[in-house]
Protein backbone atom coordinates (compact mmCIF):
# COMPACT_ATOMS: atom_id res chain seq x y z
CA MET A 1 83.11 -187.83 30.17
CA ASN A 2 79.97 -189.98 30.36
CA GLN A 3 79.96 -193.77 30.52
CA ALA A 4 78.82 -194.11 26.90
CA SER A 5 81.89 -192.22 25.70
CA ILE A 6 84.15 -194.32 27.90
CA ASN A 7 82.62 -197.54 26.56
CA LEU A 8 83.02 -196.26 23.01
CA ILE A 9 86.68 -195.47 23.43
CA ASN A 10 87.30 -198.84 25.06
CA MET A 11 85.62 -200.61 22.15
CA GLN A 12 87.49 -198.59 19.55
CA SER A 13 90.83 -199.06 21.27
CA ARG A 14 90.28 -202.81 21.34
CA TYR A 15 89.15 -203.34 17.76
CA PHE A 16 90.78 -200.57 15.72
CA LYS A 17 94.52 -200.79 15.11
CA THR A 18 94.84 -197.55 13.14
CA GLY A 19 92.98 -194.30 12.58
CA ILE A 20 92.16 -191.28 14.74
CA ILE A 21 89.43 -191.24 17.36
CA SER A 22 88.37 -187.71 18.27
CA LEU A 23 86.73 -187.01 21.62
CA HIS A 24 86.47 -183.25 21.17
CA ASN A 25 83.26 -181.42 20.37
CA GLN A 26 82.87 -179.30 17.25
CA ASN A 27 83.72 -176.10 19.13
CA HIS A 28 87.20 -177.35 20.04
CA THR A 29 89.98 -175.14 18.68
CA ASP A 30 92.94 -177.07 17.35
CA PRO A 31 96.02 -175.39 18.89
CA TYR A 32 98.34 -176.71 16.16
CA LEU A 33 96.05 -176.25 13.18
CA HIS A 34 98.67 -174.35 11.18
CA VAL A 35 101.95 -175.23 12.87
CA ALA A 36 101.24 -178.92 12.21
CA ASN A 37 102.11 -178.26 8.57
CA ILE A 38 105.65 -177.13 9.39
CA TYR A 39 106.29 -179.08 12.59
CA PRO A 40 108.52 -181.77 11.03
CA HIS A 41 110.71 -178.99 9.63
CA LEU A 42 110.86 -177.23 13.01
CA MET A 43 111.99 -180.47 14.63
CA ASN A 44 114.39 -181.72 11.98
CA PHE A 45 117.29 -181.34 14.41
CA VAL A 46 115.87 -184.01 16.73
CA SER A 47 116.97 -187.65 16.64
CA TYR A 48 113.74 -189.37 17.71
CA LYS A 49 115.42 -192.77 17.53
CA TRP A 50 118.01 -191.67 20.10
CA TRP A 51 115.33 -190.01 22.22
CA ALA A 52 113.19 -193.15 22.24
CA ARG A 53 116.19 -195.21 23.29
CA TYR A 54 116.88 -192.76 26.13
CA ILE A 55 113.33 -193.00 27.46
CA TYR A 56 113.44 -196.77 27.12
CA THR A 57 116.74 -196.92 29.01
CA ILE A 58 115.51 -194.87 31.98
CA THR A 59 112.10 -196.56 32.22
CA LYS A 60 112.75 -200.23 31.46
CA PRO A 61 114.44 -201.04 34.81
CA LYS A 62 111.41 -199.65 36.66
CA ALA A 63 108.64 -200.91 34.36
CA VAL A 64 106.87 -204.26 34.48
CA LYS A 65 107.49 -206.76 31.69
CA ASN A 66 105.58 -205.95 28.46
CA PRO A 67 104.01 -202.78 29.88
CA SER A 68 100.88 -201.14 28.54
CA VAL A 69 101.96 -197.67 27.42
CA LEU A 70 100.02 -194.43 27.04
CA GLU A 71 101.72 -191.45 25.45
CA LEU A 72 100.02 -188.12 26.13
CA ALA A 73 100.65 -185.05 23.96
CA ALA A 74 102.28 -187.26 21.33
CA GLY A 75 102.11 -184.64 18.57
CA ASN A 76 102.75 -186.16 15.15
CA CYS A 77 103.87 -189.41 16.79
CA SER A 78 107.51 -189.17 15.68
CA LEU A 79 108.74 -190.36 19.07
CA ALA A 80 106.07 -193.06 19.26
CA GLY A 81 107.21 -194.38 15.88
CA HIS A 82 110.46 -195.48 17.51
CA LEU A 83 109.42 -196.10 21.12
CA SER A 84 106.51 -198.36 20.09
CA LYS A 85 109.08 -200.72 18.53
CA LEU A 86 110.55 -201.17 22.00
CA TYR A 87 107.26 -201.13 23.90
CA LYS A 88 104.66 -202.95 21.78
CA ASN A 89 101.42 -202.29 23.70
CA TYR A 90 101.17 -198.59 22.87
CA ILE A 91 98.46 -195.93 22.50
CA VAL A 92 99.09 -192.33 21.42
CA THR A 93 97.01 -189.25 22.19
CA ASP A 94 97.22 -185.55 21.44
CA ILE A 95 94.97 -182.51 21.78
CA SER A 96 95.58 -181.59 18.12
CA GLN A 97 93.88 -183.67 15.47
CA SER A 98 95.97 -181.85 12.86
CA MET A 99 99.15 -183.15 14.46
CA LEU A 100 97.82 -186.70 14.65
CA LYS A 101 96.78 -186.54 11.00
CA HIS A 102 100.38 -185.85 10.04
CA SER A 103 101.30 -189.34 11.20
CA ASP A 104 100.80 -192.63 9.40
CA ILE A 105 101.78 -194.67 12.45
CA LYS A 106 99.97 -198.00 12.80
CA LEU A 107 98.70 -197.35 16.31
CA VAL A 108 95.46 -196.22 17.88
CA ARG A 109 95.51 -192.41 17.83
CA VAL A 110 93.13 -190.59 20.14
CA CYS A 111 92.51 -186.84 20.05
CA CYS A 112 91.92 -185.67 23.63
CA ASP A 113 93.09 -183.32 26.38
CA MET A 114 95.83 -184.87 28.52
CA THR A 115 94.11 -183.57 31.68
CA SER A 116 91.07 -185.68 30.84
CA ILE A 117 92.30 -189.18 29.98
CA PRO A 118 89.40 -190.99 28.26
CA PHE A 119 90.29 -194.60 29.05
CA ASN A 120 88.57 -196.85 31.55
CA LYS A 121 91.74 -198.86 32.12
CA LEU A 122 95.10 -198.59 33.85
CA PHE A 123 98.53 -198.29 32.24
CA ASP A 124 101.95 -199.51 33.32
CA LEU A 125 103.74 -196.56 31.74
CA ILE A 126 102.43 -193.07 30.97
CA LEU A 127 104.76 -190.64 29.26
CA ILE A 128 104.83 -187.06 28.00
CA SER A 129 107.68 -185.60 25.98
CA PHE A 130 109.25 -182.34 24.84
CA ASP A 131 108.05 -180.06 27.67
CA SER A 132 104.38 -180.58 26.82
CA VAL A 133 103.53 -180.24 30.53
CA ASN A 134 104.61 -176.59 30.23
CA TYR A 135 101.58 -175.95 28.01
CA LEU A 136 99.42 -176.28 31.12
CA LEU A 137 99.33 -172.64 32.19
CA SER A 138 98.39 -172.94 35.86
CA LYS A 139 99.24 -175.09 38.84
CA LYS A 140 95.59 -176.11 38.91
CA ARG A 141 95.89 -177.57 35.41
CA LEU A 142 99.17 -179.26 36.30
CA LEU A 143 97.50 -180.82 39.34
CA GLU A 144 94.64 -182.01 37.11
CA LEU A 145 97.16 -183.77 34.88
CA PHE A 146 99.05 -185.41 37.71
CA THR A 147 95.79 -186.52 39.33
CA GLU A 148 94.57 -188.03 36.06
CA VAL A 149 97.86 -189.86 35.65
CA ASN A 150 97.60 -191.16 39.22
CA ASN A 151 94.10 -192.42 38.46
CA HIS A 152 95.29 -194.28 35.34
CA LEU A 153 98.51 -195.88 36.59
CA THR A 154 98.74 -199.44 37.84
CA ASP A 155 100.17 -199.90 41.34
CA LYS A 156 103.59 -200.63 39.84
CA GLY A 157 103.17 -198.14 37.02
CA ILE A 158 105.53 -195.26 36.25
CA PHE A 159 105.05 -191.78 34.84
CA THR A 160 107.83 -189.97 33.00
CA PHE A 161 107.94 -186.51 31.44
CA ASP A 162 110.36 -183.71 30.76
CA ALA A 163 109.89 -180.06 31.64
CA ALA A 164 111.58 -176.85 30.54
CA LEU A 165 112.96 -174.62 33.29
CA GLU A 166 113.76 -170.92 33.34
CA SER A 167 117.36 -171.13 32.12
CA ASN A 168 116.09 -172.81 28.95
CA SER A 169 113.82 -169.84 28.20
CA TYR A 170 116.66 -167.37 28.62
CA LYS A 171 118.82 -169.38 26.24
CA HIS A 172 116.08 -169.28 23.60
CA GLN A 173 116.11 -165.49 23.73
CA LYS A 174 119.46 -165.63 21.94
CA THR A 175 117.66 -166.99 18.87
CA ALA A 176 114.39 -165.20 19.50
CA ALA A 177 113.42 -164.79 15.84
CA THR A 178 113.71 -167.48 13.18
CA LYS A 179 112.27 -168.06 9.73
CA GLY A 180 112.17 -170.86 7.21
CA ARG A 181 110.46 -172.69 4.37
CA ALA A 182 108.91 -176.14 4.35
CA LYS A 183 106.85 -177.83 1.61
CA GLY A 184 105.73 -174.54 0.12
CA PHE A 185 105.00 -172.91 3.50
CA ILE A 186 106.91 -169.83 4.66
CA TYR A 187 107.04 -169.20 8.38
CA HIS A 188 108.39 -166.76 10.93
CA ARG A 189 108.69 -167.60 14.61
CA LYS A 190 109.26 -165.13 17.41
CA SER A 191 110.11 -166.34 20.91
CA ILE A 192 109.32 -164.14 23.91
CA PHE A 193 109.90 -164.95 27.58
CA MET A 194 108.21 -162.78 30.21
CA PRO A 195 110.08 -163.26 33.51
CA LEU A 196 107.40 -161.80 35.78
CA SER A 197 104.57 -164.03 34.58
CA LYS A 198 106.91 -166.92 33.68
CA ILE A 199 105.08 -167.23 30.37
CA HIS A 200 107.06 -168.18 27.28
CA LYS A 201 105.36 -167.35 23.98
CA ASN A 202 106.15 -168.68 20.53
CA ILE A 203 104.39 -166.56 17.91
CA PHE A 204 104.13 -168.14 14.45
CA THR A 205 103.20 -166.39 11.23
CA ILE A 206 102.65 -168.95 8.48
CA GLU A 207 102.09 -168.25 4.79
CA TYR A 208 100.42 -171.09 2.90
CA PRO A 209 101.40 -171.98 -0.68
CA ASN A 210 98.23 -170.20 -1.91
CA GLY A 211 99.31 -166.95 -0.23
CA GLU A 212 96.97 -167.08 2.77
CA ILE A 213 98.61 -166.00 6.03
CA PHE A 214 97.72 -167.21 9.52
CA SER A 215 99.11 -166.60 12.99
CA GLU A 216 99.29 -169.02 15.88
CA ILE A 217 100.46 -168.27 19.42
CA HIS A 218 101.72 -171.05 21.66
CA LYS A 219 102.12 -170.31 25.37
CA GLN A 220 104.05 -172.22 28.00
CA LYS A 221 104.26 -171.73 31.74
CA ILE A 222 107.80 -172.07 33.04
CA TYR A 223 107.41 -173.56 36.50
CA SER A 224 110.07 -173.70 39.16
CA TYR A 225 111.88 -176.98 39.71
CA GLU A 226 110.30 -177.30 43.16
CA THR A 227 106.77 -176.92 41.80
CA PHE A 228 106.80 -180.36 40.19
CA PHE A 229 107.66 -181.99 43.52
CA GLU A 230 104.91 -180.01 45.27
CA ILE A 231 102.23 -180.89 42.71
CA ALA A 232 103.31 -184.53 42.69
CA GLU A 233 102.84 -184.65 46.47
CA LYS A 234 99.36 -183.14 46.22
CA SER A 235 98.29 -185.60 43.53
CA GLY A 236 99.43 -188.75 45.31
CA LEU A 237 102.57 -189.25 43.23
CA TYR A 238 106.19 -189.15 44.31
CA VAL A 239 109.46 -188.55 42.46
CA VAL A 240 111.60 -191.65 41.93
CA ASN A 241 114.24 -189.93 39.79
CA CYS A 242 114.87 -186.50 38.34
CA PHE A 243 117.53 -186.34 35.65
CA LYS A 244 119.04 -183.51 33.74
CA ALA A 245 117.09 -184.12 30.52
CA PHE A 246 118.72 -186.37 27.92
CA SER A 247 121.32 -187.49 30.45
CA TYR A 248 121.69 -189.66 33.54
CA GLN A 249 122.95 -186.83 35.70
CA LYS A 250 120.86 -185.57 38.59
CA GLY A 251 118.54 -182.73 37.61
CA LYS A 252 118.54 -179.49 39.55
CA ALA A 253 116.87 -176.09 39.61
CA THR A 254 119.49 -174.59 37.30
CA SER A 255 119.10 -177.27 34.61
CA ASP A 256 117.67 -176.24 31.24
CA ARG A 257 115.33 -179.22 31.20
CA VAL A 258 114.64 -182.02 33.64
CA GLN A 259 113.28 -185.52 33.15
CA PHE A 260 111.08 -186.87 35.93
CA ILE A 261 110.14 -190.42 36.78
CA MET A 262 107.24 -190.67 39.21
CA LYS A 263 105.17 -193.42 40.79
CA ARG A 264 101.95 -193.69 42.73
CA LYS A 265 101.93 -193.71 46.51
CA VAL A 266 100.43 -197.08 47.40
């Protein structure tokens, strides 16, 4: 990103309290263009208020007072809606403008790739939720993310994210095909895990109220537990804690999901 773009985003972040700032070019493909319409229905089993409290509980003891917070891959900002009440200095970003548009949250919303953080400032807390790191399909991309986070954390800053592990993918095979209706949309979702490539696909077929039908394929890379420690080391980060996700128990390779807290090596 050139200096003009960086200056622009700094200016907009300072003076605009709401609205979406897009840093993608016109050729960018929105990965959630269609799923954004049904996403709240897909996630209606989630208590975002409880989730926000969990993240707050595990990060507050390690964070500075009144931290500046950057949420990457924030989706439709449902988590941010609750967590930003606990942490006031808060910016949300996501790669999908469609997802950000489905939020009326009164925060700066920036549409960007989480491996290319467009801010010329440092943050005290950077967070990613709901296995969004798994959407980075190579170790190279994961290293790019961790390096960007390292470059945008203050010396006392912390980075937290959760990741899905292999046992989680096998469990999802038990409910591999689902369907539903939401606000006039009809959807089918098929979940496929490929053990050799460690790729987990979610294939959506979505029928709009006017009868048009679209498909969207979402891919995740299911990394080994050890990979996150290895990539952290390469990027200049280190693991402070690793919990079994949504708990305070120690995470391990056989966990379904794990929640990491990392810091910069200084």
